[in-house]
C-alpha atoms as a PDB file:
ATOM      1  CA  MET A   1       5.030 -25.668   9.539  1.00  0.00           C
ATOM      2  CA  LYS A   2       5.133 -22.612  11.760  1.00  0.00           C
ATOM      3  CA  LEU A   3       2.905 -19.621  11.065  1.00  0.00           C
ATOM      4  CA  ALA A   4       5.951 -17.455  10.345  1.00  0.00           C
ATOM      5  CA  GLU A   5       7.129 -19.920   7.698  1.00  0.00           C
ATOM      6  CA  ALA A   6       3.703 -19.803   6.060  1.00  0.00           C
ATOM      7  CA  LEU A   7       3.803 -16.002   6.094  1.00  0.00           C
ATOM      8  CA  ASN A   8       7.207 -16.060   4.399  1.00  0.00           C
ATOM      9  CA  GLU A   9       5.953 -18.511   1.793  1.00  0.00           C
ATOM     10  CA  ARG A  10       2.883 -16.323   1.195  1.00  0.00           C
ATOM     11  CA  ALA A  11       5.115 -13.290   0.594  1.00  0.00           C
ATOM     12  CA  ASP A  12       7.308 -15.307  -1.791  1.00  0.00           C
ATOM     13  CA  LEU A  13       4.240 -16.503  -3.714  1.00  0.00           C
ATOM     14  CA  GLN A  14       2.913 -12.965  -4.007  1.00  0.00           C
ATOM     15  CA  LYS A  15       6.258 -11.843  -5.461  1.00  0.00           C
ATOM     16  CA  ARG A  16       6.336 -14.850  -7.789  1.00  0.00           C
ATOM     17  CA  ILE A  17       2.815 -14.125  -9.043  1.00  0.00           C
ATOM     18  CA  GLU A  18       3.764 -10.508  -9.730  1.00  0.00           C
ATOM     19  CA  GLN A  19       6.825 -11.693 -11.687  1.00  0.00           C
ATOM     20  CA  LEU A  20       4.624 -14.079 -13.680  1.00  0.00           C
ATOM     21  CA  ARG A  21       2.230 -11.215 -14.451  1.00  0.00           C
ATOM     22  CA  VAL A  22       5.094  -9.168 -15.888  1.00  0.00           C
ATOM     23  CA  ARG A  23       6.457 -12.124 -17.859  1.00  0.00           C
ATOM     24  CA  LEU A  24       3.005 -12.953 -19.243  1.00  0.00           C
ATOM     25  CA  ASN A  25       2.482  -9.352 -20.326  1.00  0.00           C
ATOM     26  CA  ASN A  26       5.926  -9.308 -21.949  1.00  0.00           C
ATOM     27  CA  ASN A  27       5.027 -12.402 -23.968  1.00  0.00           C
ATOM     28  CA  ALA A  28       1.424 -11.530 -24.793  1.00  0.00           C
ATOM     29  CA  LYS A  29       2.217 -10.411 -28.365  1.00  0.00           C
ATOM     30  CA  VAL A  30       4.894 -11.072 -30.953  1.00  0.00           C
ATOM     31  CA  GLN A  31       5.550  -9.921 -34.474  1.00  0.00           C
ATOM     32  CA  GLU A  32       4.389 -12.110 -37.289  1.00  0.00           C
ATOM     33  CA  GLY A  33       6.854 -14.935 -37.804  1.00  0.00           C
ATOM     34  CA  GLU A  34       8.420 -14.533 -34.345  1.00  0.00           C
ATOM     35  CA  ASN A  35       8.072 -16.700 -31.261  1.00  0.00           C
ATOM     36  CA  PRO A  36       7.592 -15.413 -27.707  1.00  0.00           C
ATOM     37  CA  ASN A  37      10.616 -15.597 -25.426  1.00  0.00           C
ATOM     38  CA  GLU A  38       8.605 -17.757 -23.035  1.00  0.00           C
ATOM     39  CA  ASP A  39       5.608 -19.988 -23.619  1.00  0.00           C
ATOM     40  CA  PRO A  40       2.526 -18.194 -22.200  1.00  0.00           C
ATOM     41  CA  ALA A  41       0.793 -21.552 -21.663  1.00  0.00           C
ATOM     42  CA  GLU A  42       3.595 -22.707 -19.364  1.00  0.00           C
ATOM     43  CA  LEU A  43       3.556 -19.379 -17.531  1.00  0.00           C
ATOM     44  CA  LEU A  44      -0.232 -19.592 -17.120  1.00  0.00           C
ATOM     45  CA  SER A  45       0.081 -23.113 -15.751  1.00  0.00           C
ATOM     46  CA  GLU A  46       2.664 -21.948 -13.222  1.00  0.00           C
ATOM     47  CA  LEU A  47       0.443 -18.979 -12.354  1.00  0.00           C
ATOM     48  CA  GLY A  48      -2.458 -21.335 -11.660  1.00  0.00           C
ATOM     49  CA  SER A  49      -0.324 -23.483  -9.355  1.00  0.00           C
ATOM     50  CA  CYS A  50       0.999 -20.453  -7.486  1.00  0.00           C
ATOM     51  CA  CYS A  51      -2.479 -18.959  -7.092  1.00  0.00           C
ATOM     52  CA  GLU A  52      -3.897 -22.203  -5.758  1.00  0.00           C
ATOM     53  CA  ARG A  53      -1.070 -22.564  -3.219  1.00  0.00           C
ATOM     54  CA  LEU A  54      -1.498 -18.912  -2.212  1.00  0.00           C
ATOM     55  CA  ARG A  55      -5.239 -19.432  -1.692  1.00  0.00           C
ATOM     56  CA  GLU A  56      -4.568 -22.466   0.503  1.00  0.00           C
ATOM     57  CA  LEU A  57      -2.002 -20.581   2.578  1.00  0.00           C
ATOM     58  CA  ILE A  58      -4.236 -17.539   3.039  1.00  0.00           C
ATOM     59  CA  VAL A  59      -7.111 -19.715   4.273  1.00  0.00           C
ATOM     60  CA  ARG A  60      -4.861 -21.548   6.735  1.00  0.00           C
ATOM     61  CA  ILE A  61      -3.104 -18.377   7.936  1.00  0.00           C
ATOM     62  CA  ASN A  62      -6.411 -16.583   8.475  1.00  0.00           C
ATOM     63  CA  HIS A  63      -7.831 -19.581  10.320  1.00  0.00           C
ATOM     64  CA  THR A  64      -4.748 -19.894  12.507  1.00  0.00           C
ATOM     65  CA  ASN A  65      -4.790 -16.157  13.281  1.00  0.00           C
ATOM     66  CA  SER A  66      -8.473 -16.239  14.184  1.00  0.00           C
ATOM     67  CA  VAL A  67      -8.283 -19.140  16.652  1.00  0.00           C
ATOM     68  CA  THR A  68      -4.844 -18.683  18.245  1.00  0.00           C
ATOM     69  CA  ILE A  69      -5.051 -16.823  21.555  1.00  0.00           C
ATOM     70  CA  ILE A  70      -2.067 -14.799  22.788  1.00  0.00           C
ATOM     71  CA  GLU A  71      -2.442 -13.149  26.200  1.00  0.00           C
ATOM     72  CA  GLY A  72      -6.230 -13.266  25.937  1.00  0.00           C
ATOM     73  CA  GLU A  73      -6.509 -11.987  22.349  1.00  0.00           C
ATOM     74  CA  THR A  74      -6.473 -13.646  18.958  1.00  0.00           C
ATOM     75  CA  ILE A  75      -3.597 -12.984  16.615  1.00  0.00           C
ATOM     76  CA  SER A  76      -6.149 -11.417  14.238  1.00  0.00           C
ATOM     77  CA  SER A  77      -7.093  -8.938  16.949  1.00  0.00           C
ATOM     78  CA  LEU A  78      -3.436  -8.127  17.594  1.00  0.00           C
ATOM     79  CA  ILE A  79      -2.855  -7.584  13.866  1.00  0.00           C
ATOM     80  CA  ALA A  80      -5.865  -5.248  13.699  1.00  0.00           C
ATOM     81  CA  GLN A  81      -4.498  -3.286  16.659  1.00  0.00           C
ATOM     82  CA  LYS A  82      -1.107  -3.060  14.970  1.00  0.00           C
ATOM     83  CA  ASP A  83      -2.611  -1.868  11.681  1.00  0.00           C
ATOM     84  CA  VAL A  84      -4.695   0.828  13.383  1.00  0.00           C
ATOM     85  CA  LEU A  85      -1.782   1.947  15.558  1.00  0.00           C
ATOM     86  CA  THR A  86       0.443   2.181  12.474  1.00  0.00           C
ATOM     87  CA  LEU A  87      -2.177   4.305  10.736  1.00  0.00           C
ATOM     88  CA  GLU A  88      -2.606   6.606  13.747  1.00  0.00           C
ATOM     89  CA  ILE A  89       1.162   7.121  14.030  1.00  0.00           C
ATOM     90  CA  SER A  90       1.396   7.884  10.314  1.00  0.00           C
ATOM     91  CA  VAL A  91      -1.334  10.525  10.473  1.00  0.00           C
ATOM     92  CA  LYS A  92       0.139  12.140  13.584  1.00  0.00           C
ATOM     93  CA  ARG A  93       3.622  12.170  12.040  1.00  0.00           C
ATOM     94  CA  GLY A  94       2.226  13.923   8.991  1.00  0.00           C
ATOM     95  CA  LEU A  95       0.527  16.506  11.212  1.00  0.00           C
ATOM     96  CA  THR A  96       3.726  17.038  13.177  1.00  0.00           C
ATOM     97  CA  GLU A  97       5.747  17.543   9.996  1.00  0.00           C
ATOM     98  CA  ALA A  98       3.183  19.972   8.574  1.00  0.00           C
ATOM     99  CA  ALA A  99       2.955  21.958  11.817  1.00  0.00           C
ATOM    100  CA  ALA A 100       6.726  22.078  12.287  1.00  0.00           C
ATOM    101  CA  LEU A 101       7.414  23.655   8.898  1.00  0.00           C
ATOM    102  CA  ASN A 102       8.940  27.069   9.325  1.00  0.00           C
ATOM    103  CA  TYR A 103       7.724  29.810   7.061  1.00  0.00           C
ATOM    104  CA  ARG A 104      10.101  32.675   6.505  1.00  0.00           C
ATOM    105  CA  ARG A 105       8.624  36.085   6.220  1.00  0.00           C
ATOM    106  CA  MET A 106      10.301  38.447   3.821  1.00  0.00           C
ATOM    107  CA  SER A 107       8.940  41.564   5.500  1.00  0.00           C
ATOM    108  CA  ALA A 108       7.220  42.528   8.726  1.00  0.00           C
ATOM    109  CA  CYS A 109       3.944  43.171   6.906  1.00  0.00           C
ATOM    110  CA  GLU A 110       3.528  39.550   5.808  1.00  0.00           C
ATOM    111  CA  VAL A 111       1.055  37.331   7.649  1.00  0.00           C
ATOM    112  CA  LYS A 112       2.484  35.327  10.534  1.00  0.00           C
ATOM    113  CA  ILE A 113       1.801  31.597  10.438  1.00  0.00           C
ATOM    114  CA  TYR A 114       1.568  29.573  13.648  1.00  0.00           C
ATOM    115  CA  PRO A 115       1.065  25.850  14.218  1.00  0.00           C
ATOM    116  CA  THR A 116      -2.389  24.866  15.501  1.00  0.00           C
ATOM    117  CA  VAL A 117      -1.025  21.972  17.559  1.00  0.00           C
ATOM    118  CA  ASN A 118       1.683  21.617  20.183  1.00  0.00           C
ATOM    119  CA  VAL A 119       4.382  19.913  18.129  1.00  0.00           C
ATOM    120  CA  ARG A 120       6.447  18.897  21.152  1.00  0.00           C
ATOM    121  CA  GLU A 121       3.490  17.203  22.874  1.00  0.00           C
ATOM    122  CA  LEU A 122       2.392  15.555  19.644  1.00  0.00           C
ATOM    123  CA  GLN A 123       5.902  14.175  19.118  1.00  0.00           C
ATOM    124  CA  LYS A 124       5.884  12.756  22.660  1.00  0.00           C
ATOM    125  CA  GLU A 125       2.566  11.057  21.855  1.00  0.00           C
ATOM    126  CA  ILE A 126       4.048   9.635  18.632  1.00  0.00           C
ATOM    127  CA  ASP A 127       7.034   8.308  20.576  1.00  0.00           C
ATOM    128  CA  ARG A 128       4.716   6.664  23.134  1.00  0.00           C
ATOM    129  CA  LEU A 129       2.564   5.102  20.403  1.00  0.00           C
ATOM    130  CA  SER A 130       5.676   3.931  18.545  1.00  0.00           C
ATOM    131  CA  GLY A 131       6.823   2.120  21.683  1.00  0.00           C
ATOM    132  CA  GLN A 132       3.437   0.408  21.902  1.00  0.00           C
ATOM    133  CA  LEU A 133       3.705  -0.542  18.239  1.00  0.00           C
ATOM    134  CA  ARG A 134       7.159  -2.077  18.705  1.00  0.00           C
ATOM    135  CA  ALA A 135       5.962  -4.096  21.704  1.00  0.00           C
ATOM    136  CA  LEU A 136       2.888  -5.279  19.820  1.00  0.00           C
ATOM    137  CA  ASP A 137       4.936  -6.208  16.761  1.00  0.00           C
ATOM    138  CA  THR A 138       7.358  -8.192  18.930  1.00  0.00           C
ATOM    139  CA  LYS A 139       4.438 -10.069  20.493  1.00  0.00           C
ATOM    140  CA  ILE A 140       3.008 -10.889  17.058  1.00  0.00           C
ATOM    141  CA  GLN A 141       6.384 -11.991  15.686  1.00  0.00           C
ATOM    142  CA  ALA A 142       6.960 -14.269  18.690  1.00  0.00           C
ATOM    143  CA  ALA A 143       3.510 -15.771  18.207  1.00  0.00           C
ATOM    144  CA  ASN A 144       4.224 -16.336  14.523  1.00  0.00           C
ATOM    145  CA  TRP A 145       7.362 -18.349  15.301  1.00  0.00           C
ATOM    146  CA  ASN A 146       5.760 -20.289  18.172  1.00  0.00           C
ATOM    147  CA  THR A 147       2.438 -21.134  16.510  1.00  0.00           C
ATOM    148  CA  ASP A 148       1.896 -24.114  14.272  1.00  0.00           C
ATOM    149  CA  LEU A 149      -0.088 -23.441  11.112  1.00  0.00           C
ATOM    150  CA  LEU A 150      -3.497 -25.071  11.353  1.00  0.00           C
END
């Protein structure tokens, strides 16, 4: 199994577990004399199986990511770089949007409001970082499809 396939299965299991949570909650109580739409014991059994498979996958994915070297770095390191880069871009985009807001003055005596950052330069930086993020994501995706799950 390739790492990418394991990642897809992990995502599917996480969705399945969330669906089971909702179904369990929907069948947690019934009126006297009524039966639940689904048997909670069966749902709990399925939940246990899904959780165990998810645990196994997470351990194997994390192990694979921590020992697989791509261009001198582990996949875990690349993922950390991607996460931090994504966060930095998000914060800088928020700053750019806040600084770019135009405030209309109703009269000449109202206070003028100016941005504290150079929006144009900040946007160029965001574009540069976004290019790095795309390249990094492509590298990670290629590794995921070329790496066997350990």
